[in-house]
Amino acid sequence: MRTDVNDVTQIAEGRLRTSPHWDLRNVSCEYDDGMLILHGRLGSYYHKQLAQETVAGVEGVVQVVNEIEVVDHQPGG
């Protein structure tokens, strides 16, 4: 049975939109045959990892590809 693309995308984006971390609400998802691709711009590598962790357990997702760009990151600052 093939997982419905719209269902997986909605579930993943729903998890991101309800995250207590406001930055994650700006991440969008694209799903294709087990692969979930995250798109967006976040202010830290920590939030990038949180976004990936937030959607990792969605049923039908075999792999999460993180294409999130980190902006305004100041190492040690």
PDB file of N, CA and C in Angstrom:
ATOM      1  N   MET A   1       0.835  -1.181   0.000  1.00  0.00           N
ATOM      2  CA  MET A   1       0.000   0.000   0.000  1.00  0.00           C
ATOM      3  C   MET A   1       0.882   1.247   0.000  1.00  0.00           C
ATOM      4  N   ARG A   2       0.658   2.134  -0.934  1.00  0.00           N
ATOM      5  CA  ARG A   2       1.430   3.366  -1.049  1.00  0.00           C
ATOM      6  C   ARG A   2       0.865   4.416  -0.099  1.00  0.00           C
ATOM      7  N   THR A   3       1.755   5.106   0.596  1.00  0.00           N
ATOM      8  CA  THR A   3       1.342   6.151   1.528  1.00  0.00           C
ATOM      9  C   THR A   3       0.917   7.384   0.746  1.00  0.00           C
ATOM     10  N   ASP A   4      -0.169   8.024   1.172  1.00  0.00           N
ATOM     11  CA  ASP A   4      -0.686   9.201   0.491  1.00  0.00           C
ATOM     12  C   ASP A   4       0.237  10.401   0.721  1.00  0.00           C
ATOM     13  N   VAL A   5       0.655  11.018  -0.373  1.00  0.00           N
ATOM     14  CA  VAL A   5       1.581  12.155  -0.337  1.00  0.00           C
ATOM     15  C   VAL A   5       1.009  13.307   0.488  1.00  0.00           C
ATOM     16  N   ASN A   6      -0.253  13.650   0.255  1.00  0.00           N
ATOM     17  CA  ASN A   6      -0.872  14.769   0.968  1.00  0.00           C
ATOM     18  C   ASN A   6      -0.969  14.501   2.471  1.00  0.00           C
ATOM     19  N   ASP A   7      -1.302  13.267   2.846  1.00  0.00           N
ATOM     20  CA  ASP A   7      -1.410  12.928   4.264  1.00  0.00           C
ATOM     21  C   ASP A   7      -0.074  13.090   4.970  1.00  0.00           C
ATOM     22  N   VAL A   8       0.979  12.544   4.398  1.00  0.00           N
ATOM     23  CA  VAL A   8       2.304  12.624   5.023  1.00  0.00           C
ATOM     24  C   VAL A   8       2.758  14.072   5.120  1.00  0.00           C
ATOM     25  N   THR A   9       2.579  14.829   4.053  1.00  0.00           N
ATOM     26  CA  THR A   9       2.979  16.240   4.054  1.00  0.00           C
ATOM     27  C   THR A   9       2.201  17.013   5.116  1.00  0.00           C
ATOM     28  N   GLN A  10       0.903  16.797   5.203  1.00  0.00           N
ATOM     29  CA  GLN A  10       0.082  17.501   6.190  1.00  0.00           C
ATOM     30  C   GLN A  10       0.464  17.133   7.620  1.00  0.00           C
ATOM     31  N   ILE A  11       0.726  15.869   7.864  1.00  0.00           N
ATOM     32  CA  ILE A  11       1.117  15.431   9.207  1.00  0.00           C
ATOM     33  C   ILE A  11       2.458  16.045   9.587  1.00  0.00           C
ATOM     34  N   ALA A  12       3.426  15.978   8.681  1.00  0.00           N
ATOM     35  CA  ALA A  12       4.758  16.524   8.962  1.00  0.00           C
ATOM     36  C   ALA A  12       4.690  18.032   9.193  1.00  0.00           C
ATOM     37  N   GLU A  13       4.012  18.740   8.311  1.00  0.00           N
ATOM     38  CA  GLU A  13       3.908  20.190   8.474  1.00  0.00           C
ATOM     39  C   GLU A  13       3.084  20.537   9.713  1.00  0.00           C
ATOM     40  N   GLY A  14       2.096  19.717  10.050  1.00  0.00           N
ATOM     41  CA  GLY A  14       1.322  19.935  11.268  1.00  0.00           C
ATOM     42  C   GLY A  14       2.189  19.837  12.513  1.00  0.00           C
ATOM     43  N   ARG A  15       3.083  18.876  12.525  1.00  0.00           N
ATOM     44  CA  ARG A  15       4.008  18.752  13.668  1.00  0.00           C
ATOM     45  C   ARG A  15       4.917  19.973  13.768  1.00  0.00           C
ATOM     46  N   LEU A  16       5.386  20.449  12.630  1.00  0.00           N
ATOM     47  CA  LEU A  16       6.250  21.636  12.634  1.00  0.00           C
ATOM     48  C   LEU A  16       5.482  22.876  13.071  1.00  0.00           C
ATOM     49  N   ARG A  17       4.233  23.024  12.605  1.00  0.00           N
ATOM     50  CA  ARG A  17       3.424  24.211  12.914  1.00  0.00           C
ATOM     51  C   ARG A  17       3.013  24.275  14.381  1.00  0.00           C
ATOM     52  N   THR A  18       2.939  23.123  15.039  1.00  0.00           N
ATOM     53  CA  THR A  18       2.541  23.101  16.444  1.00  0.00           C
ATOM     54  C   THR A  18       3.735  22.975  17.387  1.00  0.00           C
ATOM     55  N   SER A  19       4.922  23.053  16.861  1.00  0.00           N
ATOM     56  CA  SER A  19       6.128  22.981  17.683  1.00  0.00           C
ATOM     57  C   SER A  19       6.222  24.187  18.606  1.00  0.00           C
ATOM     58  N   PRO A  20       6.740  23.994  19.817  1.00  0.00           N
ATOM     59  CA  PRO A  20       6.944  25.146  20.702  1.00  0.00           C
ATOM     60  C   PRO A  20       8.072  26.058  20.213  1.00  0.00           C
ATOM     61  N   HIS A  21       8.832  25.586  19.255  1.00  0.00           N
ATOM     62  CA  HIS A  21       9.921  26.377  18.669  1.00  0.00           C
ATOM     63  C   HIS A  21       9.367  27.108  17.448  1.00  0.00           C
ATOM     64  N   TRP A  22       9.100  28.398  17.595  1.00  0.00           N
ATOM     65  CA  TRP A  22       8.447  29.197  16.556  1.00  0.00           C
ATOM     66  C   TRP A  22       9.153  29.122  15.215  1.00  0.00           C
ATOM     67  N   ASP A  23      10.474  29.060  15.211  1.00  0.00           N
ATOM     68  CA  ASP A  23      11.231  29.016  13.956  1.00  0.00           C
ATOM     69  C   ASP A  23      10.816  27.842  13.073  1.00  0.00           C
ATOM     70  N   LEU A  24      10.460  26.718  13.682  1.00  0.00           N
ATOM     71  CA  LEU A  24      10.130  25.521  12.909  1.00  0.00           C
ATOM     72  C   LEU A  24       8.844  25.684  12.111  1.00  0.00           C
ATOM     73  N   ARG A  25       8.055  26.658  12.473  1.00  0.00           N
ATOM     74  CA  ARG A  25       6.791  26.890  11.767  1.00  0.00           C
ATOM     75  C   ARG A  25       7.009  27.457  10.374  1.00  0.00           C
ATOM     76  N   ASN A  26       8.238  27.835  10.060  1.00  0.00           N
ATOM     77  CA  ASN A  26       8.579  28.372   8.741  1.00  0.00           C
ATOM     78  C   ASN A  26       9.153  27.310   7.801  1.00  0.00           C
ATOM     79  N   VAL A  27       9.182  26.070   8.238  1.00  0.00           N
ATOM     80  CA  VAL A  27       9.737  24.983   7.435  1.00  0.00           C
ATOM     81  C   VAL A  27       8.613  24.310   6.653  1.00  0.00           C
ATOM     82  N   SER A  28       8.842  24.076   5.379  1.00  0.00           N
ATOM     83  CA  SER A  28       7.858  23.367   4.564  1.00  0.00           C
ATOM     84  C   SER A  28       8.397  21.978   4.212  1.00  0.00           C
ATOM     85  N   CYS A  29       7.500  21.112   3.781  1.00  0.00           N
ATOM     86  CA  CYS A  29       7.856  19.723   3.492  1.00  0.00           C
ATOM     87  C   CYS A  29       7.420  19.337   2.087  1.00  0.00           C
ATOM     88  N   GLU A  30       8.176  18.443   1.521  1.00  0.00           N
ATOM     89  CA  GLU A  30       7.850  17.838   0.226  1.00  0.00           C
ATOM     90  C   GLU A  30       8.070  16.344   0.396  1.00  0.00           C
ATOM     91  N   TYR A  31       7.087  15.527   0.046  1.00  0.00           N
ATOM     92  CA  TYR A  31       7.170  14.080   0.259  1.00  0.00           C
ATOM     93  C   TYR A  31       7.066  13.330  -1.065  1.00  0.00           C
ATOM     94  N   ASP A  32       7.926  12.325  -1.226  1.00  0.00           N
ATOM     95  CA  ASP A  32       7.862  11.478  -2.417  1.00  0.00           C
ATOM     96  C   ASP A  32       8.395  10.097  -2.089  1.00  0.00           C
ATOM     97  N   ASP A  33       7.515   9.115  -2.118  1.00  0.00           N
ATOM     98  CA  ASP A  33       7.866   7.704  -1.994  1.00  0.00           C
ATOM     99  C   ASP A  33       8.842   7.418  -0.855  1.00  0.00           C
ATOM    100  N   GLY A  34       8.485   7.827   0.352  1.00  0.00           N
ATOM    101  CA  GLY A  34       9.288   7.520   1.529  1.00  0.00           C
ATOM    102  C   GLY A  34      10.292   8.587   1.916  1.00  0.00           C
ATOM    103  N   MET A  35      10.542   9.530   1.031  1.00  0.00           N
ATOM    104  CA  MET A  35      11.512  10.583   1.308  1.00  0.00           C
ATOM    105  C   MET A  35      10.792  11.889   1.603  1.00  0.00           C
ATOM    106  N   LEU A  36      11.103  12.477   2.756  1.00  0.00           N
ATOM    107  CA  LEU A  36      10.541  13.759   3.152  1.00  0.00           C
ATOM    108  C   LEU A  36      11.656  14.799   3.092  1.00  0.00           C
ATOM    109  N   ILE A  37      11.451  15.819   2.278  1.00  0.00           N
ATOM    110  CA  ILE A  37      12.448  16.875   2.115  1.00  0.00           C
ATOM    111  C   ILE A  37      11.966  18.119   2.846  1.00  0.00           C
ATOM    112  N   LEU A  38      12.813  18.645   3.721  1.00  0.00           N
ATOM    113  CA  LEU A  38      12.500  19.851   4.475  1.00  0.00           C
ATOM    114  C   LEU A  38      13.129  21.056   3.803  1.00  0.00           C
ATOM    115  N   HIS A  39      12.348  22.125   3.658  1.00  0.00           N
ATOM    116  CA  HIS A  39      12.823  23.368   3.047  1.00  0.00           C
ATOM    117  C   HIS A  39      12.573  24.518   4.005  1.00  0.00           C
ATOM    118  N   GLY A  40      13.473  25.473   4.009  1.00  0.00           N
ATOM    119  CA  GLY A  40      13.263  26.662   4.819  1.00  0.00           C
ATOM    120  C   GLY A  40      14.569  27.322   5.199  1.00  0.00           C
ATOM    121  N   ARG A  41      14.444  28.325   6.031  1.00  0.00           N
ATOM    122  CA  ARG A  41      15.591  29.073   6.539  1.00  0.00           C
ATOM    123  C   ARG A  41      15.415  29.212   8.041  1.00  0.00           C
ATOM    124  N   LEU A  42      16.417  28.778   8.774  1.00  0.00           N
ATOM    125  CA  LEU A  42      16.371  28.865  10.228  1.00  0.00           C
ATOM    126  C   LEU A  42      17.612  29.575  10.741  1.00  0.00           C
ATOM    127  N   GLY A  43      17.543  30.069  11.965  1.00  0.00           N
ATOM    128  CA  GLY A  43      18.630  30.862  12.524  1.00  0.00           C
ATOM    129  C   GLY A  43      19.721  30.083  13.223  1.00  0.00           C
ATOM    130  N   SER A  44      19.568  28.762  13.340  1.00  0.00           N
ATOM    131  CA  SER A  44      20.621  27.991  14.011  1.00  0.00           C
ATOM    132  C   SER A  44      20.624  26.542  13.526  1.00  0.00           C
ATOM    133  N   TYR A  45      21.769  25.907  13.698  1.00  0.00           N
ATOM    134  CA  TYR A  45      21.879  24.490  13.363  1.00  0.00           C
ATOM    135  C   TYR A  45      21.043  23.645  14.332  1.00  0.00           C
ATOM    136  N   TYR A  46      20.903  24.118  15.546  1.00  0.00           N
ATOM    137  CA  TYR A  46      20.076  23.433  16.543  1.00  0.00           C
ATOM    138  C   TYR A  46      18.635  23.311  16.049  1.00  0.00           C
ATOM    139  N   HIS A  47      18.070  24.390  15.547  1.00  0.00           N
ATOM    140  CA  HIS A  47      16.697  24.356  15.040  1.00  0.00           C
ATOM    141  C   HIS A  47      16.590  23.490  13.785  1.00  0.00           C
ATOM    142  N   LYS A  48      17.627  23.469  12.990  1.00  0.00           N
ATOM    143  CA  LYS A  48      17.651  22.604  11.806  1.00  0.00           C
ATOM    144  C   LYS A  48      17.536  21.134  12.243  1.00  0.00           C
ATOM    145  N   GLN A  49      18.283  20.765  13.280  1.00  0.00           N
ATOM    146  CA  GLN A  49      18.217  19.401  13.796  1.00  0.00           C
ATOM    147  C   GLN A  49      16.859  19.113  14.442  1.00  0.00           C
ATOM    148  N   LEU A  50      16.313  20.099  15.147  1.00  0.00           N
ATOM    149  CA  LEU A  50      14.995  19.929  15.758  1.00  0.00           C
ATOM    150  C   LEU A  50      13.914  19.682  14.707  1.00  0.00           C
ATOM    151  N   ALA A  51      13.989  20.390  13.601  1.00  0.00           N
ATOM    152  CA  ALA A  51      13.005  20.204  12.532  1.00  0.00           C
ATOM    153  C   ALA A  51      13.059  18.770  12.018  1.00  0.00           C
ATOM    154  N   GLN A  52      14.256  18.280  11.806  1.00  0.00           N
ATOM    155  CA  GLN A  52      14.406  16.910  11.311  1.00  0.00           C
ATOM    156  C   GLN A  52      13.885  15.906  12.335  1.00  0.00           C
ATOM    157  N   GLU A  53      14.190  16.108  13.588  1.00  0.00           N
ATOM    158  CA  GLU A  53      13.720  15.214  14.647  1.00  0.00           C
ATOM    159  C   GLU A  53      12.202  15.251  14.785  1.00  0.00           C
ATOM    160  N   THR A  54      11.615  16.414  14.603  1.00  0.00           N
ATOM    161  CA  THR A  54      10.172  16.597  14.753  1.00  0.00           C
ATOM    162  C   THR A  54       9.385  15.750  13.757  1.00  0.00           C
ATOM    163  N   VAL A  55       9.884  15.594  12.555  1.00  0.00           N
ATOM    164  CA  VAL A  55       9.149  14.857  11.517  1.00  0.00           C
ATOM    165  C   VAL A  55       9.639  13.429  11.303  1.00  0.00           C
ATOM    166  N   ALA A  56      10.687  13.041  11.990  1.00  0.00           N
ATOM    167  CA  ALA A  56      11.297  11.733  11.748  1.00  0.00           C
ATOM    168  C   ALA A  56      10.359  10.557  11.995  1.00  0.00           C
ATOM    169  N   GLY A  57       9.423  10.688  12.911  1.00  0.00           N
ATOM    170  CA  GLY A  57       8.558   9.562  13.238  1.00  0.00           C
ATOM    171  C   GLY A  57       7.254   9.481  12.469  1.00  0.00           C
ATOM    172  N   VAL A  58       7.088  10.313  11.460  1.00  0.00           N
ATOM    173  CA  VAL A  58       5.843  10.299  10.690  1.00  0.00           C
ATOM    174  C   VAL A  58       5.753   8.992   9.902  1.00  0.00           C
ATOM    175  N   GLU A  59       4.605   8.321  10.000  1.00  0.00           N
ATOM    176  CA  GLU A  59       4.410   7.053   9.302  1.00  0.00           C
ATOM    177  C   GLU A  59       4.528   7.254   7.793  1.00  0.00           C
ATOM    178  N   GLY A  60       5.305   6.392   7.152  1.00  0.00           N
ATOM    179  CA  GLY A  60       5.515   6.478   5.715  1.00  0.00           C
ATOM    180  C   GLY A  60       6.832   7.136   5.353  1.00  0.00           C
ATOM    181  N   VAL A  61       7.466   7.795   6.330  1.00  0.00           N
ATOM    182  CA  VAL A  61       8.750   8.459   6.065  1.00  0.00           C
ATOM    183  C   VAL A  61       9.877   7.488   6.365  1.00  0.00           C
ATOM    184  N   VAL A  62      10.667   7.201   5.334  1.00  0.00           N
ATOM    185  CA  VAL A  62      11.808   6.308   5.467  1.00  0.00           C
ATOM    186  C   VAL A  62      13.092   7.123   5.636  1.00  0.00           C
ATOM    187  N   GLN A  63      13.134   8.270   4.975  1.00  0.00           N
ATOM    188  CA  GLN A  63      14.325   9.118   5.011  1.00  0.00           C
ATOM    189  C   GLN A  63      13.914  10.583   5.050  1.00  0.00           C
ATOM    190  N   VAL A  64      14.620  11.374   5.868  1.00  0.00           N
ATOM    191  CA  VAL A  64      14.400  12.812   5.924  1.00  0.00           C
ATOM    192  C   VAL A  64      15.620  13.491   5.320  1.00  0.00           C
ATOM    193  N   VAL A  65      15.390  14.285   4.293  1.00  0.00           N
ATOM    194  CA  VAL A  65      16.458  15.048   3.652  1.00  0.00           C
ATOM    195  C   VAL A  65      16.298  16.488   4.101  1.00  0.00           C
ATOM    196  N   ASN A  66      17.338  17.015   4.706  1.00  0.00           N
ATOM    197  CA  ASN A  66      17.280  18.328   5.308  1.00  0.00           C
ATOM    198  C   ASN A  66      17.946  19.349   4.387  1.00  0.00           C
ATOM    199  N   GLU A  67      17.142  20.133   3.687  1.00  0.00           N
ATOM    200  CA  GLU A  67      17.658  21.176   2.800  1.00  0.00           C
ATOM    201  C   GLU A  67      17.419  22.567   3.393  1.00  0.00           C
ATOM    202  N   ILE A  68      17.393  22.623   4.712  1.00  0.00           N
ATOM    203  CA  ILE A  68      17.171  23.885   5.414  1.00  0.00           C
ATOM    204  C   ILE A  68      18.466  24.688   5.427  1.00  0.00           C
ATOM    205  N   GLU A  69      18.357  25.955   5.094  1.00  0.00           N
ATOM    206  CA  GLU A  69      19.501  26.858   5.114  1.00  0.00           C
ATOM    207  C   GLU A  69      19.564  27.534   6.486  1.00  0.00           C
ATOM    208  N   VAL A  70      20.769  27.587   7.054  1.00  0.00           N
ATOM    209  CA  VAL A  70      20.956  28.286   8.323  1.00  0.00           C
ATOM    210  C   VAL A  70      21.463  29.684   8.021  1.00  0.00           C
ATOM    211  N   VAL A  71      20.743  30.681   8.529  1.00  0.00           N
ATOM    212  CA  VAL A  71      21.104  32.087   8.291  1.00  0.00           C
ATOM    213  C   VAL A  71      21.367  32.773   9.622  1.00  0.00           C
ATOM    214  N   ASP A  72      22.129  33.828   9.568  1.00  0.00           N
ATOM    215  CA  ASP A  72      22.417  34.631  10.766  1.00  0.00           C
ATOM    216  C   ASP A  72      23.053  33.823  11.885  1.00  0.00           C
ATOM    217  N   HIS A  73      23.827  32.814  11.534  1.00  0.00           N
ATOM    218  CA  HIS A  73      24.502  32.023  12.570  1.00  0.00           C
ATOM    219  C   HIS A  73      25.861  32.640  12.844  1.00  0.00           C
ATOM    220  N   GLN A  74      26.096  32.967  14.100  1.00  0.00           N
ATOM    221  CA  GLN A  74      27.365  33.559  14.523  1.00  0.00           C
ATOM    222  C   GLN A  74      28.074  32.577  15.449  1.00  0.00           C
ATOM    223  N   PRO A  75      29.063  31.816  14.944  1.00  0.00           N
ATOM    224  CA  PRO A  75      29.767  30.874  15.821  1.00  0.00           C
ATOM    225  C   PRO A  75      30.380  31.597  17.022  1.00  0.00           C
ATOM    226  N   GLY A  76      30.127  31.060  18.182  1.00  0.00           N
ATOM    227  CA  GLY A  76      30.694  31.619  19.405  1.00  0.00           C
ATOM    228  C   GLY A  76      30.053  32.940  19.818  1.00  0.00           C
ATOM    229  N   GLY A  77      28.971  33.324  19.168  1.00  0.00           N
ATOM    230  CA  GLY A  77      28.370  34.619  19.469  1.00  0.00           C
ATOM    231  C   GLY A  77      27.014  34.536  19.858  1.00  0.00           C
TER     232      GLY A  77
END
